Amino acid sequence: MQQVDRVISERLTTEVPLVREVAQYIISAGGKRLRPALLLLISGALGNHHPDRFTLAAVVEFIHTATLLHDDVVDESTMRRGRPTANEAFGNAPSVLVGDFLYSRAFQMMVDVNNMRVMQVLSDATNVIAEGEVLQLMNMRDASLDEAAYLRVIRSKTAKLFEASARLAPIIANSSSAIETACATYGQALGTAFQIIDDVLDYEGSADLLGKNLGDDLREGKVTLPIICALKTANEREKAILRNAIEEGDLSHLGEILAIIRATGALESARQTAAAEAQRAIAAAQQLPTNRYSSALLELAAGLLERRT
């Protein structure tokens, strides 16, 4: 990961000061770096130590960071990772344009790797992520959204880059198609579980630990799995409160909304869905060679369910 950070720092070079300032601002905020870590862990599990793995790990982090910059503008978010978002600190226009810079820099780095399969996987993933963003926008304030539609969005918007990160490792290791499929399945399942837990924490976490405000998803009009599960079992009065919050953005009764979500068992139901995805990831990881890297992949999937930040 230190090598990846070194590559990130080297490839953020630009003669435009504002680009460098905004990019450094969001990347220096840290984050979990799960996607690059996933690529490195799977490379280790497959016994591949090709230096391209560091470049590609930086590429997926650049793509992820670009999506964050654009997301925060679309969502009008003001806080991420415990500090003001880039759009709050610098404005919407610089955030969007620096996001574009990071996308284009990522594609420059892909070309350096000189592997057409790598280009195909990452370009496809970037396109699917963009589709997922538009799907989510179309679903805003739609109280009729069901679990299948929700999963379609998060598998496009979030899990696709996890899947691509996991798939790149066997590609540069020249692994079999069966191993590539297992890695891709692991990444997709892990990414899906990660996003579900993220959505659960929006209603049961701590604002200080999360680095964002509780109820932000609902405030932005996003209908996530905890809300979908609550609507299934709530009584008519509770459903009316939830629908009003979704459709009108009325969070004046946020405390009562949180109480409804908890009382209906919605958080437990959502966690069960995440657990099923984590188990799917574990089954995929068990197809990889047995070593300390694959053991770490198993621990990552199992430990995801204990996530609190």
C-alpha atoms as a PDB file:
ATOM      1  CA  MET A   1       0.000   0.000   0.000  1.00  0.00           C
ATOM      2  CA  GLN A   2       2.976   2.330   0.563  1.00  0.00           C
ATOM      3  CA  GLN A   3       4.030   1.574  -3.009  1.00  0.00           C
ATOM      4  CA  VAL A   4       0.512   2.397  -4.214  1.00  0.00           C
ATOM      5  CA  ASP A   5       0.565   5.702  -2.321  1.00  0.00           C
ATOM      6  CA  ARG A   6       3.912   6.457  -3.942  1.00  0.00           C
ATOM      7  CA  VAL A   7       2.447   5.852  -7.410  1.00  0.00           C
ATOM      8  CA  ILE A   8      -0.581   8.007  -6.554  1.00  0.00           C
ATOM      9  CA  SER A   9       1.679  10.855  -5.454  1.00  0.00           C
ATOM     10  CA  GLU A  10       3.865  10.589  -8.566  1.00  0.00           C
ATOM     11  CA  ARG A  11       0.907  10.513 -10.964  1.00  0.00           C
ATOM     12  CA  LEU A  12      -0.848  13.505  -9.423  1.00  0.00           C
ATOM     13  CA  THR A  13       1.759  15.751 -11.002  1.00  0.00           C
ATOM     14  CA  THR A  14       0.233  18.620 -12.976  1.00  0.00           C
ATOM     15  CA  GLU A  15       1.155  22.180 -13.875  1.00  0.00           C
ATOM     16  CA  VAL A  16      -2.311  23.386 -12.831  1.00  0.00           C
ATOM     17  CA  PRO A  17      -2.171  24.262  -9.101  1.00  0.00           C
ATOM     18  CA  LEU A  18      -5.928  23.995  -8.466  1.00  0.00           C
ATOM     19  CA  VAL A  19      -6.068  20.479  -9.941  1.00  0.00           C
ATOM     20  CA  ARG A  20      -3.258  19.372  -7.650  1.00  0.00           C
ATOM     21  CA  GLU A  21      -4.795  21.080  -4.617  1.00  0.00           C
ATOM     22  CA  VAL A  22      -8.276  19.575  -4.995  1.00  0.00           C
ATOM     23  CA  ALA A  23      -6.964  16.095  -5.901  1.00  0.00           C
ATOM     24  CA  GLN A  24      -4.551  16.075  -2.963  1.00  0.00           C
ATOM     25  CA  TYR A  25      -7.328  17.310  -0.666  1.00  0.00           C
ATOM     26  CA  ILE A  26      -9.632  14.371  -1.300  1.00  0.00           C
ATOM     27  CA  ILE A  27      -6.953  11.677  -1.662  1.00  0.00           C
ATOM     28  CA  SER A  28      -5.125  12.797   1.483  1.00  0.00           C
ATOM     29  CA  ALA A  29      -8.373  12.349   3.416  1.00  0.00           C
ATOM     30  CA  GLY A  30      -7.414   8.681   3.473  1.00  0.00           C
ATOM     31  CA  GLY A  31     -10.368   6.362   3.276  1.00  0.00           C
ATOM     32  CA  LYS A  32     -10.238   2.605   3.469  1.00  0.00           C
ATOM     33  CA  ARG A  33      -8.343   2.031   0.173  1.00  0.00           C
ATOM     34  CA  LEU A  34     -10.288  -1.232  -0.086  1.00  0.00           C
ATOM     35  CA  ARG A  35     -10.231  -1.490  -3.865  1.00  0.00           C
ATOM     36  CA  PRO A  36      -6.443  -1.228  -4.279  1.00  0.00           C
ATOM     37  CA  ALA A  37      -5.960  -3.468  -1.234  1.00  0.00           C
ATOM     38  CA  LEU A  38      -8.252  -6.043  -2.843  1.00  0.00           C
ATOM     39  CA  LEU A  39      -6.164  -6.052  -6.031  1.00  0.00           C
ATOM     40  CA  LEU A  40      -2.938  -6.479  -4.043  1.00  0.00           C
ATOM     41  CA  LEU A  41      -4.324  -9.246  -1.820  1.00  0.00           C
ATOM     42  CA  ILE A  42      -5.575 -11.285  -4.764  1.00  0.00           C
ATOM     43  CA  SER A  43      -2.256 -10.755  -6.570  1.00  0.00           C
ATOM     44  CA  GLY A  44      -0.531 -12.136  -3.480  1.00  0.00           C
ATOM     45  CA  ALA A  45      -2.935 -15.070  -3.268  1.00  0.00           C
ATOM     46  CA  LEU A  46      -2.094 -15.938  -6.886  1.00  0.00           C
ATOM     47  CA  GLY A  47       1.642 -15.564  -6.304  1.00  0.00           C
ATOM     48  CA  ASN A  48       1.888 -12.653  -8.753  1.00  0.00           C
ATOM     49  CA  HIS A  49       4.366  -9.890  -7.914  1.00  0.00           C
ATOM     50  CA  HIS A  50       4.363  -7.999 -11.205  1.00  0.00           C
ATOM     51  CA  PRO A  51       5.015  -4.258 -10.648  1.00  0.00           C
ATOM     52  CA  ASP A  52       1.927  -3.423 -12.767  1.00  0.00           C
ATOM     53  CA  ARG A  53      -0.177  -4.335  -9.749  1.00  0.00           C
ATOM     54  CA  PHE A  54       0.840  -1.076  -8.042  1.00  0.00           C
ATOM     55  CA  THR A  55      -0.037   0.994 -11.107  1.00  0.00           C
ATOM     56  CA  LEU A  56      -3.421  -0.684 -11.450  1.00  0.00           C
ATOM     57  CA  ALA A  57      -4.142  -0.341  -7.733  1.00  0.00           C
ATOM     58  CA  ALA A  58      -3.537   3.410  -8.104  1.00  0.00           C
ATOM     59  CA  VAL A  59      -5.764   3.453 -11.211  1.00  0.00           C
ATOM     60  CA  VAL A  60      -8.758   1.993  -9.368  1.00  0.00           C
ATOM     61  CA  GLU A  61      -8.229   4.447  -6.505  1.00  0.00           C
ATOM     62  CA  PHE A  62      -8.194   7.341  -8.992  1.00  0.00           C
ATOM     63  CA  ILE A  63     -11.420   6.095 -10.594  1.00  0.00           C
ATOM     64  CA  HIS A  64     -13.020   5.695  -7.167  1.00  0.00           C
ATOM     65  CA  THR A  65     -11.907   9.180  -6.103  1.00  0.00           C
ATOM     66  CA  ALA A  66     -13.295  10.689  -9.311  1.00  0.00           C
ATOM     67  CA  THR A  67     -16.681   9.101  -8.595  1.00  0.00           C
ATOM     68  CA  LEU A  68     -16.619  10.547  -5.056  1.00  0.00           C
ATOM     69  CA  LEU A  69     -15.957  14.049  -6.374  1.00  0.00           C
ATOM     70  CA  HIS A  70     -18.854  13.784  -8.816  1.00  0.00           C
ATOM     71  CA  ASP A  71     -21.151  12.069  -6.277  1.00  0.00           C
ATOM     72  CA  ASP A  72     -20.738  14.801  -3.698  1.00  0.00           C
ATOM     73  CA  VAL A  73     -21.665  17.468  -6.240  1.00  0.00           C
ATOM     74  CA  VAL A  74     -24.749  15.537  -7.406  1.00  0.00           C
ATOM     75  CA  ASP A  75     -25.812  14.783  -3.817  1.00  0.00           C
ATOM     76  CA  GLU A  76     -24.950  18.298  -2.573  1.00  0.00           C
ATOM     77  CA  SER A  77     -23.015  16.618   0.248  1.00  0.00           C
ATOM     78  CA  THR A  78     -21.159  18.785   2.734  1.00  0.00           C
ATOM     79  CA  MET A  79     -19.184  16.229   4.757  1.00  0.00           C
ATOM     80  CA  ARG A  80     -17.102  13.179   3.907  1.00  0.00           C
ATOM     81  CA  ARG A  81     -14.599  11.298   6.084  1.00  0.00           C
ATOM     82  CA  GLY A  82     -15.145  13.773   8.903  1.00  0.00           C
ATOM     83  CA  ARG A  83     -14.320  16.968   7.022  1.00  0.00           C
ATOM     84  CA  PRO A  84     -15.899  19.244   4.398  1.00  0.00           C
ATOM     85  CA  THR A  85     -16.318  17.661   0.968  1.00  0.00           C
ATOM     86  CA  ALA A  86     -14.227  19.035  -1.909  1.00  0.00           C
ATOM     87  CA  ASN A  87     -17.277  20.757  -3.386  1.00  0.00           C
ATOM     88  CA  GLU A  88     -17.910  22.412  -0.022  1.00  0.00           C
ATOM     89  CA  ALA A  89     -14.277  23.524   0.250  1.00  0.00           C
ATOM     90  CA  PHE A  90     -13.570  24.498  -3.368  1.00  0.00           C
ATOM     91  CA  GLY A  91     -16.950  24.717  -5.130  1.00  0.00           C
ATOM     92  CA  ASN A  92     -18.841  22.475  -7.555  1.00  0.00           C
ATOM     93  CA  ALA A  93     -17.026  23.405 -10.756  1.00  0.00           C
ATOM     94  CA  PRO A  94     -13.480  22.590  -9.527  1.00  0.00           C
ATOM     95  CA  SER A  95     -14.743  19.311  -8.023  1.00  0.00           C
ATOM     96  CA  VAL A  96     -16.348  18.139 -11.279  1.00  0.00           C
ATOM     97  CA  LEU A  97     -13.377  19.170 -13.406  1.00  0.00           C
ATOM     98  CA  VAL A  98     -10.790  17.586 -11.100  1.00  0.00           C
ATOM     99  CA  GLY A  99     -12.909  14.422 -11.144  1.00  0.00           C
ATOM    100  CA  ASP A 100     -12.593  14.513 -14.933  1.00  0.00           C
ATOM    101  CA  PHE A 101      -8.826  14.965 -14.565  1.00  0.00           C
ATOM    102  CA  LEU A 102      -8.577  11.886 -12.331  1.00  0.00           C
ATOM    103  CA  TYR A 103     -10.625   9.791 -14.790  1.00  0.00           C
ATOM    104  CA  SER A 104      -8.404  10.819 -17.700  1.00  0.00           C
ATOM    105  CA  ARG A 105      -5.198  10.303 -15.684  1.00  0.00           C
ATOM    106  CA  ALA A 106      -6.429   6.819 -14.778  1.00  0.00           C
ATOM    107  CA  PHE A 107      -6.878   6.005 -18.467  1.00  0.00           C
ATOM    108  CA  GLN A 108      -3.392   7.313 -19.257  1.00  0.00           C
ATOM    109  CA  MET A 109      -2.012   4.918 -16.647  1.00  0.00           C
ATOM    110  CA  MET A 110      -4.052   2.006 -18.063  1.00  0.00           C
ATOM    111  CA  VAL A 111      -2.418   2.586 -21.433  1.00  0.00           C
ATOM    112  CA  ASP A 112       1.015   2.410 -19.773  1.00  0.00           C
ATOM    113  CA  VAL A 113       0.231  -1.154 -18.656  1.00  0.00           C
ATOM    114  CA  ASN A 114      -0.258  -2.064 -22.336  1.00  0.00           C
ATOM    115  CA  ASN A 115      -2.775  -4.864 -21.790  1.00  0.00           C
ATOM    116  CA  MET A 116      -5.975  -4.781 -23.839  1.00  0.00           C
ATOM    117  CA  ARG A 117      -7.894  -6.981 -21.361  1.00  0.00           C
ATOM    118  CA  VAL A 118      -7.031  -4.554 -18.573  1.00  0.00           C
ATOM    119  CA  MET A 119      -8.310  -1.676 -20.717  1.00  0.00           C
ATOM    120  CA  GLN A 120     -11.505  -3.584 -21.490  1.00  0.00           C
ATOM    121  CA  VAL A 121     -12.267  -4.409 -17.863  1.00  0.00           C
ATOM    122  CA  LEU A 122     -11.624  -0.900 -16.559  1.00  0.00           C
ATOM    123  CA  SER A 123     -13.373   0.942 -19.393  1.00  0.00           C
ATOM    124  CA  ASP A 124     -16.414  -1.340 -19.053  1.00  0.00           C
ATOM    125  CA  ALA A 125     -16.434  -0.830 -15.290  1.00  0.00           C
ATOM    126  CA  THR A 126     -16.225   2.956 -15.624  1.00  0.00           C
ATOM    127  CA  ASN A 127     -19.152   2.923 -18.040  1.00  0.00           C
ATOM    128  CA  VAL A 128     -21.281   0.699 -15.782  1.00  0.00           C
ATOM    129  CA  ILE A 129     -20.522   2.934 -12.789  1.00  0.00           C
ATOM    130  CA  ALA A 130     -21.768   5.958 -14.756  1.00  0.00           C
ATOM    131  CA  GLU A 131     -24.943   4.041 -15.640  1.00  0.00           C
ATOM    132  CA  GLY A 132     -25.394   3.193 -11.957  1.00  0.00           C
ATOM    133  CA  GLU A 133     -25.127   6.871 -11.027  1.00  0.00           C
ATOM    134  CA  VAL A 134     -27.866   7.736 -13.532  1.00  0.00           C
ATOM    135  CA  LEU A 135     -30.040   4.854 -12.301  1.00  0.00           C
ATOM    136  CA  GLN A 136     -29.720   6.128  -8.750  1.00  0.00           C
ATOM    137  CA  LEU A 137     -30.659   9.621  -9.894  1.00  0.00           C
ATOM    138  CA  MET A 138     -33.777   8.237 -11.611  1.00  0.00           C
ATOM    139  CA  ASN A 139     -34.729   6.371  -8.414  1.00  0.00           C
ATOM    140  CA  MET A 140     -34.489   9.415  -6.154  1.00  0.00           C
ATOM    141  CA  ARG A 141     -37.562   9.992  -3.947  1.00  0.00           C
ATOM    142  CA  ASP A 142     -39.278   6.865  -5.306  1.00  0.00           C
ATOM    143  CA  ALA A 143     -40.998   5.196  -2.345  1.00  0.00           C
ATOM    144  CA  SER A 144     -42.027   2.233  -4.529  1.00  0.00           C
ATOM    145  CA  LEU A 145     -38.415   1.124  -5.148  1.00  0.00           C
ATOM    146  CA  ASP A 146     -37.944  -2.586  -4.398  1.00  0.00           C
ATOM    147  CA  GLU A 147     -34.927  -4.642  -3.342  1.00  0.00           C
ATOM    148  CA  ALA A 148     -34.150  -5.861  -6.875  1.00  0.00           C
ATOM    149  CA  ALA A 149     -33.955  -2.294  -8.203  1.00  0.00           C
ATOM    150  CA  TYR A 150     -31.829  -1.240  -5.224  1.00  0.00           C
ATOM    151  CA  LEU A 151     -29.390  -4.121  -5.788  1.00  0.00           C
ATOM    152  CA  ARG A 152     -29.146  -3.265  -9.470  1.00  0.00           C
ATOM    153  CA  VAL A 153     -27.990   0.239  -8.553  1.00  0.00           C
ATOM    154  CA  ILE A 154     -25.387  -0.757  -5.977  1.00  0.00           C
ATOM    155  CA  ARG A 155     -23.994  -3.568  -8.140  1.00  0.00           C
ATOM    156  CA  SER A 156     -23.452  -0.995 -10.868  1.00  0.00           C
ATOM    157  CA  LYS A 157     -22.452   2.015  -8.802  1.00  0.00           C
ATOM    158  CA  THR A 158     -20.323   0.413  -6.067  1.00  0.00           C
ATOM    159  CA  ALA A 159     -19.722  -3.303  -6.568  1.00  0.00           C
ATOM    160  CA  LYS A 160     -18.575  -2.966 -10.196  1.00  0.00           C
ATOM    161  CA  LEU A 161     -15.273  -1.312  -9.261  1.00  0.00           C
ATOM    162  CA  PHE A 162     -14.701  -3.937  -6.544  1.00  0.00           C
ATOM    163  CA  GLU A 163     -15.338  -6.590  -9.184  1.00  0.00           C
ATOM    164  CA  ALA A 164     -12.963  -4.940 -11.673  1.00  0.00           C
ATOM    165  CA  SER A 165     -10.238  -4.549  -9.023  1.00  0.00           C
ATOM    166  CA  ALA A 166     -10.524  -8.236  -8.166  1.00  0.00           C
ATOM    167  CA  ARG A 167     -10.554  -9.304 -11.831  1.00  0.00           C
ATOM    168  CA  LEU A 168      -7.410  -7.349 -12.755  1.00  0.00           C
ATOM    169  CA  ALA A 169      -5.170  -9.437 -10.496  1.00  0.00           C
ATOM    170  CA  PRO A 170      -5.766 -12.785 -12.294  1.00  0.00           C
ATOM    171  CA  ILE A 171      -5.566 -11.034 -15.682  1.00  0.00           C
ATOM    172  CA  ILE A 172      -2.024  -9.743 -15.101  1.00  0.00           C
ATOM    173  CA  ALA A 173      -1.139 -13.097 -13.478  1.00  0.00           C
ATOM    174  CA  ASN A 174      -2.326 -14.965 -16.618  1.00  0.00           C
ATOM    175  CA  SER A 175      -4.583 -17.143 -14.466  1.00  0.00           C
ATOM    176  CA  SER A 176      -7.247 -19.504 -15.789  1.00  0.00           C
ATOM    177  CA  SER A 177     -10.729 -18.276 -16.671  1.00  0.00           C
ATOM    178  CA  ALA A 178     -12.101 -20.220 -13.682  1.00  0.00           C
ATOM    179  CA  ILE A 179      -9.832 -18.337 -11.280  1.00  0.00           C
ATOM    180  CA  GLU A 180     -10.668 -15.026 -12.955  1.00  0.00           C
ATOM    181  CA  THR A 181     -14.384 -15.746 -12.520  1.00  0.00           C
ATOM    182  CA  ALA A 182     -13.887 -16.672  -8.857  1.00  0.00           C
ATOM    183  CA  CYS A 183     -11.982 -13.440  -8.218  1.00  0.00           C
ATOM    184  CA  ALA A 184     -14.612 -11.345 -10.004  1.00  0.00           C
ATOM    185  CA  THR A 185     -17.388 -13.045  -8.007  1.00  0.00           C
ATOM    186  CA  TYR A 186     -15.511 -12.351  -4.777  1.00  0.00           C
ATOM    187  CA  GLY A 187     -15.149  -8.677  -5.681  1.00  0.00           C
ATOM    188  CA  GLN A 188     -18.765  -8.211  -6.707  1.00  0.00           C
ATOM    189  CA  ALA A 189     -20.127  -9.955  -3.601  1.00  0.00           C
ATOM    190  CA  LEU A 190     -17.752  -8.084  -1.292  1.00  0.00           C
ATOM    191  CA  GLY A 191     -18.643  -4.742  -2.891  1.00  0.00           C
ATOM    192  CA  THR A 192     -22.364  -5.456  -2.598  1.00  0.00           C
ATOM    193  CA  ALA A 193     -22.056  -6.411   1.073  1.00  0.00           C
ATOM    194  CA  PHE A 194     -19.888  -3.351   1.713  1.00  0.00           C
ATOM    195  CA  GLN A 195     -22.505  -0.974   0.277  1.00  0.00           C
ATOM    196  CA  ILE A 196     -25.398  -2.628   2.128  1.00  0.00           C
ATOM    197  CA  ILE A 197     -23.525  -2.258   5.426  1.00  0.00           C
ATOM    198  CA  ASP A 198     -22.714   1.347   4.491  1.00  0.00           C
ATOM    199  CA  ASP A 199     -26.436   1.972   4.005  1.00  0.00           C
ATOM    200  CA  VAL A 200     -27.252   0.291   7.328  1.00  0.00           C
ATOM    201  CA  LEU A 201     -24.727   2.502   9.131  1.00  0.00           C
ATOM    202  CA  ASP A 202     -26.483   5.588   7.784  1.00  0.00           C
ATOM    203  CA  TYR A 203     -29.259   4.725  10.254  1.00  0.00           C
ATOM    204  CA  GLU A 204     -27.474   3.018  13.132  1.00  0.00           C
ATOM    205  CA  GLY A 205     -23.908   4.333  13.131  1.00  0.00           C
ATOM    206  CA  SER A 206     -22.271   7.264  14.860  1.00  0.00           C
ATOM    207  CA  ALA A 207     -21.890  10.517  12.935  1.00  0.00           C
ATOM    208  CA  ASP A 208     -18.460  11.046  14.530  1.00  0.00           C
ATOM    209  CA  LEU A 209     -17.237   7.589  13.503  1.00  0.00           C
ATOM    210  CA  LEU A 210     -18.817   7.666  10.047  1.00  0.00           C
ATOM    211  CA  GLY A 211     -17.563  11.137   9.203  1.00  0.00           C
ATOM    212  CA  LYS A 212     -20.982  12.085   7.823  1.00  0.00           C
ATOM    213  CA  ASN A 213     -24.402  12.956   9.214  1.00  0.00           C
ATOM    214  CA  LEU A 214     -26.907  10.236  10.133  1.00  0.00           C
ATOM    215  CA  GLY A 215     -29.851  10.159   7.757  1.00  0.00           C
ATOM    216  CA  ASP A 216     -27.891  11.739   4.898  1.00  0.00           C
ATOM    217  CA  ASP A 217     -29.161   9.135   2.416  1.00  0.00           C
ATOM    218  CA  LEU A 218     -32.782   9.922   3.205  1.00  0.00           C
ATOM    219  CA  ARG A 219     -32.062  13.643   3.191  1.00  0.00           C
ATOM    220  CA  GLU A 220     -30.707  13.231  -0.348  1.00  0.00           C
ATOM    221  CA  GLY A 221     -33.731  11.194  -1.433  1.00  0.00           C
ATOM    222  CA  LYS A 222     -31.916   7.856  -1.661  1.00  0.00           C
ATOM    223  CA  VAL A 223     -34.097   4.818  -0.961  1.00  0.00           C
ATOM    224  CA  THR A 224     -31.732   2.206   0.475  1.00  0.00           C
ATOM    225  CA  LEU A 225     -32.285  -1.327   1.768  1.00  0.00           C
ATOM    226  CA  PRO A 226     -33.083  -0.402   5.412  1.00  0.00           C
ATOM    227  CA  ILE A 227     -35.935   1.849   4.207  1.00  0.00           C
ATOM    228  CA  ILE A 228     -37.171  -0.795   1.729  1.00  0.00           C
ATOM    229  CA  CYS A 229     -37.202  -3.430   4.513  1.00  0.00           C
ATOM    230  CA  ALA A 230     -38.953  -1.063   6.939  1.00  0.00           C
ATOM    231  CA  LEU A 231     -41.693  -0.289   4.422  1.00  0.00           C
ATOM    232  CA  LYS A 232     -42.440  -4.012   4.128  1.00  0.00           C
ATOM    233  CA  THR A 233     -43.313  -4.479   7.804  1.00  0.00           C
ATOM    234  CA  ALA A 234     -44.290  -1.023   9.126  1.00  0.00           C
ATOM    235  CA  ASN A 235     -47.899  -0.202   9.967  1.00  0.00           C
ATOM    236  CA  GLU A 236     -49.857   2.280   7.842  1.00  0.00           C
ATOM    237  CA  ARG A 237     -49.027   5.296  10.007  1.00  0.00           C
ATOM    238  CA  GLU A 238     -45.313   4.431   9.992  1.00  0.00           C
ATOM    239  CA  LYS A 239     -45.355   3.849   6.227  1.00  0.00           C
ATOM    240  CA  ALA A 240     -46.900   7.303   5.738  1.00  0.00           C
ATOM    241  CA  ILE A 241     -44.100   8.904   7.765  1.00  0.00           C
ATOM    242  CA  LEU A 242     -41.437   7.044   5.780  1.00  0.00           C
ATOM    243  CA  ARG A 243     -43.032   7.826   2.413  1.00  0.00           C
ATOM    244  CA  ASN A 244     -43.326  11.508   3.322  1.00  0.00           C
ATOM    245  CA  ALA A 245     -39.645  11.601   4.256  1.00  0.00           C
ATOM    246  CA  ILE A 246     -38.695   9.925   0.959  1.00  0.00           C
ATOM    247  CA  GLU A 247     -40.942  11.898  -1.356  1.00  0.00           C
ATOM    248  CA  GLU A 248     -40.854  15.312   0.318  1.00  0.00           C
ATOM    249  CA  GLY A 249     -37.466  15.226   2.018  1.00  0.00           C
ATOM    250  CA  ASP A 250     -39.173  15.994   5.343  1.00  0.00           C
ATOM    251  CA  LEU A 251     -36.733  14.932   8.069  1.00  0.00           C
ATOM    252  CA  SER A 252     -38.338  16.947  10.848  1.00  0.00           C
ATOM    253  CA  HIS A 253     -39.215  13.607  12.479  1.00  0.00           C
ATOM    254  CA  LEU A 254     -35.804  11.960  11.943  1.00  0.00           C
ATOM    255  CA  GLY A 255     -35.763  10.568  15.469  1.00  0.00           C
ATOM    256  CA  GLU A 256     -39.104   8.830  14.904  1.00  0.00           C
ATOM    257  CA  ILE A 257     -37.970   7.595  11.467  1.00  0.00           C
ATOM    258  CA  LEU A 258     -34.861   6.029  13.024  1.00  0.00           C
ATOM    259  CA  ALA A 259     -37.055   4.437  15.708  1.00  0.00           C
ATOM    260  CA  ILE A 260     -39.382   2.963  13.043  1.00  0.00           C
ATOM    261  CA  ILE A 261     -36.458   1.520  11.071  1.00  0.00           C
ATOM    262  CA  ARG A 262     -35.066  -0.096  14.197  1.00  0.00           C
ATOM    263  CA  ALA A 263     -38.411  -1.326  15.541  1.00  0.00           C
ATOM    264  CA  THR A 264     -39.405  -3.016  12.275  1.00  0.00           C
ATOM    265  CA  GLY A 265     -36.211  -5.104  12.272  1.00  0.00           C
ATOM    266  CA  ALA A 266     -35.185  -3.463   8.977  1.00  0.00           C
ATOM    267  CA  LEU A 267     -31.545  -3.132   9.981  1.00  0.00           C
ATOM    268  CA  GLU A 268     -31.326  -6.817  10.883  1.00  0.00           C
ATOM    269  CA  SER A 269     -32.988  -7.774   7.583  1.00  0.00           C
ATOM    270  CA  ALA A 270     -30.530  -5.648   5.624  1.00  0.00           C
ATOM    271  CA  ARG A 271     -27.612  -7.150   7.524  1.00  0.00           C
ATOM    272  CA  GLN A 272     -28.870 -10.634   6.646  1.00  0.00           C
ATOM    273  CA  THR A 273     -28.758  -9.707   2.958  1.00  0.00           C
ATOM    274  CA  ALA A 274     -25.200  -8.419   3.467  1.00  0.00           C
ATOM    275  CA  ALA A 275     -24.295 -11.660   5.255  1.00  0.00           C
ATOM    276  CA  ALA A 276     -25.513 -13.717   2.296  1.00  0.00           C
ATOM    277  CA  GLU A 277     -23.293 -11.636  -0.023  1.00  0.00           C
ATOM    278  CA  ALA A 278     -20.335 -12.017   2.349  1.00  0.00           C
ATOM    279  CA  GLN A 279     -20.863 -15.787   2.329  1.00  0.00           C
ATOM    280  CA  ARG A 280     -20.880 -15.729  -1.483  1.00  0.00           C
ATOM    281  CA  ALA A 281     -17.538 -13.893  -1.366  1.00  0.00           C
ATOM    282  CA  ILE A 282     -16.119 -16.453   1.060  1.00  0.00           C
ATOM    283  CA  ALA A 283     -17.156 -19.355  -1.191  1.00  0.00           C
ATOM    284  CA  ALA A 284     -15.410 -17.674  -4.139  1.00  0.00           C
ATOM    285  CA  ALA A 285     -12.217 -16.973  -2.164  1.00  0.00           C
ATOM    286  CA  GLN A 286     -12.041 -20.631  -1.120  1.00  0.00           C
ATOM    287  CA  GLN A 287     -11.334 -21.483  -4.782  1.00  0.00           C
ATOM    288  CA  LEU A 288      -8.005 -19.619  -4.621  1.00  0.00           C
ATOM    289  CA  PRO A 289      -4.671 -21.130  -3.496  1.00  0.00           C
ATOM    290  CA  THR A 290      -4.411 -21.443   0.277  1.00  0.00           C
ATOM    291  CA  ASN A 291      -1.945 -18.943   1.727  1.00  0.00           C
ATOM    292  CA  ARG A 292      -1.848 -15.910   4.026  1.00  0.00           C
ATOM    293  CA  TYR A 293      -3.250 -13.648   1.299  1.00  0.00           C
ATOM    294  CA  SER A 294      -6.307 -15.783   0.606  1.00  0.00           C
ATOM    295  CA  SER A 295      -6.777 -16.144   4.379  1.00  0.00           C
ATOM    296  CA  ALA A 296      -6.846 -12.353   4.583  1.00  0.00           C
ATOM    297  CA  LEU A 297      -9.502 -12.271   1.835  1.00  0.00           C
ATOM    298  CA  LEU A 298     -11.652 -14.673   3.871  1.00  0.00           C
ATOM    299  CA  GLU A 299     -11.173 -12.559   7.003  1.00  0.00           C
ATOM    300  CA  LEU A 300     -12.046  -9.397   5.073  1.00  0.00           C
ATOM    301  CA  ALA A 301     -15.377 -10.823   3.919  1.00  0.00           C
ATOM    302  CA  ALA A 302     -16.245 -12.201   7.360  1.00  0.00           C
ATOM    303  CA  GLY A 303     -15.134  -9.042   9.171  1.00  0.00           C
ATOM    304  CA  LEU A 304     -17.161  -6.783   6.917  1.00  0.00           C
ATOM    305  CA  LEU A 305     -20.305  -7.676   8.861  1.00  0.00           C
ATOM    306  CA  GLU A 306     -18.731  -6.255  12.029  1.00  0.00           C
ATOM    307  CA  ARG A 307     -18.032  -2.916  10.341  1.00  0.00           C
ATOM    308  CA  ARG A 308     -19.056   0.145  12.328  1.00  0.00           C
ATOM    309  CA  THR A 309     -17.368   2.948  10.323  1.00  0.00           C
END
